[in-house]
Amino acid sequence: MGIISWIILGLIAGFIGSKIVNKTGQGMIMDIVLGIVGAIVGGLIFSAFGSAGVTGLNIWSLIVAVIGSVVVLWAYHQFSGKRTL
């Protein structure tokens, strides 16, 4: 998968994931970065359970990347958000 495909998949997955997690986007660059990281994390999660991870620019890869980006965004908000006691 080429770098342009990773950027497109990351942008879409990051945008969808940020809408699921906090209803607002993180900004285009942050959505792309978190989406690409999410695609990698999603691929690792799915591979650990014996399923195919990111296989190209297709619907299955988008689903894997969105699930991964939700996990990454959740962790991002847990570690970077303000915590109140």
N, C-alpha and C. Protein backbone atom coordinates (compact mmCIF):
# COMPACT_ATOMS: atom_id res chain seq x y z
N MET A 1 0.86 -1.18 0.00
CA MET A 1 0.00 0.00 0.00
C MET A 1 0.90 1.23 0.00
N GLY A 2 0.65 2.16 -0.91
CA GLY A 2 1.47 3.35 -1.03
C GLY A 2 1.18 4.39 0.03
N ILE A 3 2.05 5.36 0.12
CA ILE A 3 1.93 6.41 1.13
C ILE A 3 0.66 7.24 0.93
N ILE A 4 0.28 7.47 -0.30
CA ILE A 4 -0.94 8.24 -0.57
C ILE A 4 -2.16 7.46 -0.07
N SER A 5 -2.16 6.16 -0.27
CA SER A 5 -3.27 5.33 0.22
C SER A 5 -3.34 5.35 1.74
N TRP A 6 -2.18 5.30 2.41
CA TRP A 6 -2.16 5.37 3.87
C TRP A 6 -2.69 6.71 4.36
N ILE A 7 -2.35 7.80 3.66
CA ILE A 7 -2.82 9.12 4.06
C ILE A 7 -4.34 9.23 3.87
N ILE A 8 -4.84 8.73 2.75
CA ILE A 8 -6.28 8.77 2.50
C ILE A 8 -7.02 7.91 3.52
N LEU A 9 -6.55 6.69 3.72
CA LEU A 9 -7.17 5.80 4.71
C LEU A 9 -7.08 6.40 6.11
N GLY A 10 -5.94 6.98 6.45
CA GLY A 10 -5.75 7.61 7.76
C GLY A 10 -6.67 8.80 7.96
N LEU A 11 -6.83 9.61 6.93
CA LEU A 11 -7.72 10.78 7.04
C LEU A 11 -9.15 10.34 7.27
N ILE A 12 -9.62 9.39 6.49
CA ILE A 12 -11.00 8.93 6.62
C ILE A 12 -11.21 8.24 7.97
N ALA A 13 -10.30 7.34 8.34
CA ALA A 13 -10.43 6.61 9.61
C ALA A 13 -10.31 7.56 10.79
N GLY A 14 -9.38 8.49 10.73
CA GLY A 14 -9.21 9.45 11.82
C GLY A 14 -10.42 10.36 11.98
N PHE A 15 -10.99 10.78 10.86
CA PHE A 15 -12.18 11.63 10.90
C PHE A 15 -13.36 10.87 11.51
N ILE A 16 -13.61 9.67 11.02
CA ILE A 16 -14.72 8.86 11.54
C ILE A 16 -14.49 8.51 13.01
N GLY A 17 -13.27 8.12 13.34
CA GLY A 17 -12.94 7.77 14.72
C GLY A 17 -13.11 8.94 15.67
N SER A 18 -12.69 10.13 15.26
CA SER A 18 -12.83 11.29 16.14
C SER A 18 -14.28 11.71 16.28
N LYS A 19 -15.09 11.48 15.28
CA LYS A 19 -16.53 11.75 15.41
C LYS A 19 -17.18 10.76 16.37
N ILE A 20 -16.71 9.52 16.39
CA ILE A 20 -17.24 8.52 17.30
C ILE A 20 -16.82 8.82 18.74
N VAL A 21 -15.56 9.18 18.93
CA VAL A 21 -15.02 9.34 20.28
C VAL A 21 -15.47 10.64 20.93
N ASN A 22 -15.33 11.77 20.24
CA ASN A 22 -15.63 13.03 20.92
C ASN A 22 -16.49 14.00 20.11
N LYS A 23 -17.09 13.56 19.05
CA LYS A 23 -18.04 14.32 18.22
C LYS A 23 -17.43 15.51 17.48
N THR A 24 -16.15 15.80 17.69
CA THR A 24 -15.49 16.86 16.93
C THR A 24 -14.16 16.31 16.43
N GLY A 25 -13.70 16.84 15.33
CA GLY A 25 -12.42 16.42 14.80
C GLY A 25 -11.26 17.02 15.58
N GLN A 26 -10.08 16.47 15.39
CA GLN A 26 -8.88 16.96 16.03
C GLN A 26 -8.13 17.94 15.13
N GLY A 27 -8.62 18.17 13.95
CA GLY A 27 -7.89 18.94 12.93
C GLY A 27 -7.41 17.95 11.89
N MET A 28 -7.26 18.41 10.67
CA MET A 28 -6.97 17.51 9.57
C MET A 28 -5.65 16.75 9.77
N ILE A 29 -4.59 17.44 10.16
CA ILE A 29 -3.29 16.78 10.32
C ILE A 29 -3.34 15.76 11.46
N MET A 30 -3.93 16.15 12.59
CA MET A 30 -4.02 15.22 13.73
C MET A 30 -4.93 14.05 13.39
N ASP A 31 -6.02 14.29 12.65
CA ASP A 31 -6.89 13.19 12.21
C ASP A 31 -6.11 12.20 11.34
N ILE A 32 -5.29 12.71 10.43
CA ILE A 32 -4.50 11.83 9.56
C ILE A 32 -3.52 11.02 10.38
N VAL A 33 -2.79 11.70 11.28
CA VAL A 33 -1.77 11.01 12.08
C VAL A 33 -2.42 9.94 12.97
N LEU A 34 -3.47 10.33 13.70
CA LEU A 34 -4.13 9.36 14.57
C LEU A 34 -4.82 8.26 13.77
N GLY A 35 -5.31 8.58 12.58
CA GLY A 35 -5.91 7.57 11.72
C GLY A 35 -4.90 6.56 11.21
N ILE A 36 -3.71 7.02 10.83
CA ILE A 36 -2.66 6.11 10.36
C ILE A 36 -2.18 5.24 11.52
N VAL A 37 -1.96 5.87 12.68
CA VAL A 37 -1.57 5.09 13.86
C VAL A 37 -2.69 4.10 14.21
N GLY A 38 -3.94 4.56 14.09
CA GLY A 38 -5.08 3.68 14.35
C GLY A 38 -5.14 2.52 13.38
N ALA A 39 -4.80 2.75 12.12
CA ALA A 39 -4.79 1.67 11.14
C ALA A 39 -3.74 0.63 11.51
N ILE A 40 -2.59 1.09 11.98
CA ILE A 40 -1.54 0.16 12.40
C ILE A 40 -1.99 -0.61 13.64
N VAL A 41 -2.54 0.11 14.62
CA VAL A 41 -3.02 -0.54 15.85
C VAL A 41 -4.16 -1.51 15.53
N GLY A 42 -5.10 -1.08 14.71
CA GLY A 42 -6.20 -1.96 14.31
C GLY A 42 -5.70 -3.20 13.60
N GLY A 43 -4.71 -3.04 12.73
CA GLY A 43 -4.13 -4.19 12.05
C GLY A 43 -3.48 -5.15 13.02
N LEU A 44 -2.78 -4.61 14.03
CA LEU A 44 -2.16 -5.47 15.04
C LEU A 44 -3.20 -6.19 15.88
N ILE A 45 -4.26 -5.48 16.26
CA ILE A 45 -5.33 -6.09 17.06
C ILE A 45 -6.00 -7.22 16.28
N PHE A 46 -6.36 -6.95 15.03
CA PHE A 46 -7.04 -7.97 14.23
C PHE A 46 -6.10 -9.14 13.92
N SER A 47 -4.83 -8.86 13.69
CA SER A 47 -3.86 -9.94 13.44
C SER A 47 -3.68 -10.81 14.67
N ALA A 48 -3.72 -10.20 15.85
CA ALA A 48 -3.58 -10.97 17.10
C ALA A 48 -4.73 -11.95 17.28
N PHE A 49 -5.89 -11.61 16.74
CA PHE A 49 -7.05 -12.51 16.84
C PHE A 49 -7.19 -13.41 15.63
N GLY A 50 -6.18 -13.41 14.74
CA GLY A 50 -6.17 -14.33 13.61
C GLY A 50 -6.92 -13.86 12.38
N SER A 51 -7.30 -12.60 12.34
CA SER A 51 -8.02 -12.07 11.20
C SER A 51 -7.08 -11.19 10.37
N ALA A 52 -7.50 -10.87 9.17
CA ALA A 52 -6.69 -10.00 8.30
C ALA A 52 -6.76 -8.57 8.81
N GLY A 53 -5.62 -7.90 8.77
CA GLY A 53 -5.57 -6.50 9.17
C GLY A 53 -5.85 -5.60 7.98
N VAL A 54 -5.09 -4.56 7.85
CA VAL A 54 -5.25 -3.62 6.73
C VAL A 54 -4.66 -4.29 5.49
N THR A 55 -5.50 -4.46 4.47
CA THR A 55 -5.09 -5.18 3.26
C THR A 55 -5.00 -4.30 2.03
N GLY A 56 -5.36 -3.06 2.13
CA GLY A 56 -5.33 -2.16 0.99
C GLY A 56 -6.35 -1.05 1.21
N LEU A 57 -6.68 -0.38 0.16
CA LEU A 57 -7.66 0.71 0.25
C LEU A 57 -9.04 0.12 -0.09
N ASN A 58 -9.68 -0.49 0.92
CA ASN A 58 -10.98 -1.13 0.73
C ASN A 58 -11.81 -0.98 2.00
N ILE A 59 -13.03 -1.47 1.98
CA ILE A 59 -13.96 -1.31 3.10
C ILE A 59 -13.44 -2.04 4.34
N TRP A 60 -12.94 -3.27 4.18
CA TRP A 60 -12.44 -4.02 5.34
C TRP A 60 -11.31 -3.25 6.04
N SER A 61 -10.39 -2.72 5.27
CA SER A 61 -9.29 -1.96 5.85
C SER A 61 -9.79 -0.71 6.55
N LEU A 62 -10.82 -0.08 5.99
CA LEU A 62 -11.39 1.11 6.62
C LEU A 62 -12.02 0.75 7.96
N ILE A 63 -12.72 -0.36 8.02
CA ILE A 63 -13.33 -0.80 9.29
C ILE A 63 -12.24 -1.08 10.33
N VAL A 64 -11.20 -1.79 9.92
CA VAL A 64 -10.09 -2.09 10.82
C VAL A 64 -9.43 -0.80 11.30
N ALA A 65 -9.20 0.14 10.38
CA ALA A 65 -8.55 1.40 10.72
C ALA A 65 -9.43 2.25 11.63
N VAL A 66 -10.74 2.27 11.41
CA VAL A 66 -11.63 3.04 12.27
C VAL A 66 -11.64 2.46 13.68
N ILE A 67 -11.71 1.15 13.81
CA ILE A 67 -11.67 0.53 15.14
C ILE A 67 -10.35 0.86 15.82
N GLY A 68 -9.27 0.76 15.09
CA GLY A 68 -7.96 1.11 15.66
C GLY A 68 -7.86 2.58 16.03
N SER A 69 -8.43 3.45 15.21
CA SER A 69 -8.36 4.88 15.53
C SER A 69 -9.23 5.23 16.73
N VAL A 70 -10.34 4.52 16.92
CA VAL A 70 -11.14 4.74 18.13
C VAL A 70 -10.33 4.36 19.36
N VAL A 71 -9.61 3.25 19.29
CA VAL A 71 -8.76 2.83 20.41
C VAL A 71 -7.67 3.87 20.67
N VAL A 72 -7.01 4.31 19.60
CA VAL A 72 -5.93 5.30 19.74
C VAL A 72 -6.48 6.63 20.26
N LEU A 73 -7.61 7.09 19.73
CA LEU A 73 -8.19 8.35 20.18
C LEU A 73 -8.63 8.27 21.63
N TRP A 74 -9.20 7.14 22.04
CA TRP A 74 -9.60 6.97 23.42
C TRP A 74 -8.37 7.09 24.33
N ALA A 75 -7.29 6.38 23.96
CA ALA A 75 -6.05 6.43 24.75
C ALA A 75 -5.46 7.83 24.73
N TYR A 76 -5.50 8.50 23.59
CA TYR A 76 -5.00 9.87 23.46
C TYR A 76 -5.73 10.80 24.41
N HIS A 77 -7.03 10.69 24.47
CA HIS A 77 -7.82 11.55 25.37
C HIS A 77 -7.60 11.19 26.83
N GLN A 78 -7.34 9.93 27.12
CA GLN A 78 -7.08 9.52 28.50
C GLN A 78 -5.76 10.10 29.00
N PHE A 79 -4.76 10.13 28.15
CA PHE A 79 -3.44 10.59 28.57
C PHE A 79 -3.23 12.08 28.41
N SER A 80 -3.93 12.72 27.48
CA SER A 80 -3.70 14.15 27.25
C SER A 80 -4.77 15.05 27.80
N GLY A 81 -5.93 14.49 28.13
CA GLY A 81 -7.05 15.30 28.63
C GLY A 81 -6.83 15.75 30.05
N LYS A 82 -7.53 16.80 30.41
CA LYS A 82 -7.49 17.27 31.80
C LYS A 82 -8.31 16.35 32.66
N ARG A 83 -7.74 15.95 33.77
CA ARG A 83 -8.44 15.06 34.67
C ARG A 83 -8.86 15.84 35.91
N THR A 84 -10.08 15.66 36.30
CA THR A 84 -10.57 16.31 37.51
C THR A 84 -10.86 15.25 38.54
N LEU A 85 -10.65 15.58 39.77
CA LEU A 85 -10.88 14.61 40.85
C LEU A 85 -12.22 14.81 41.47
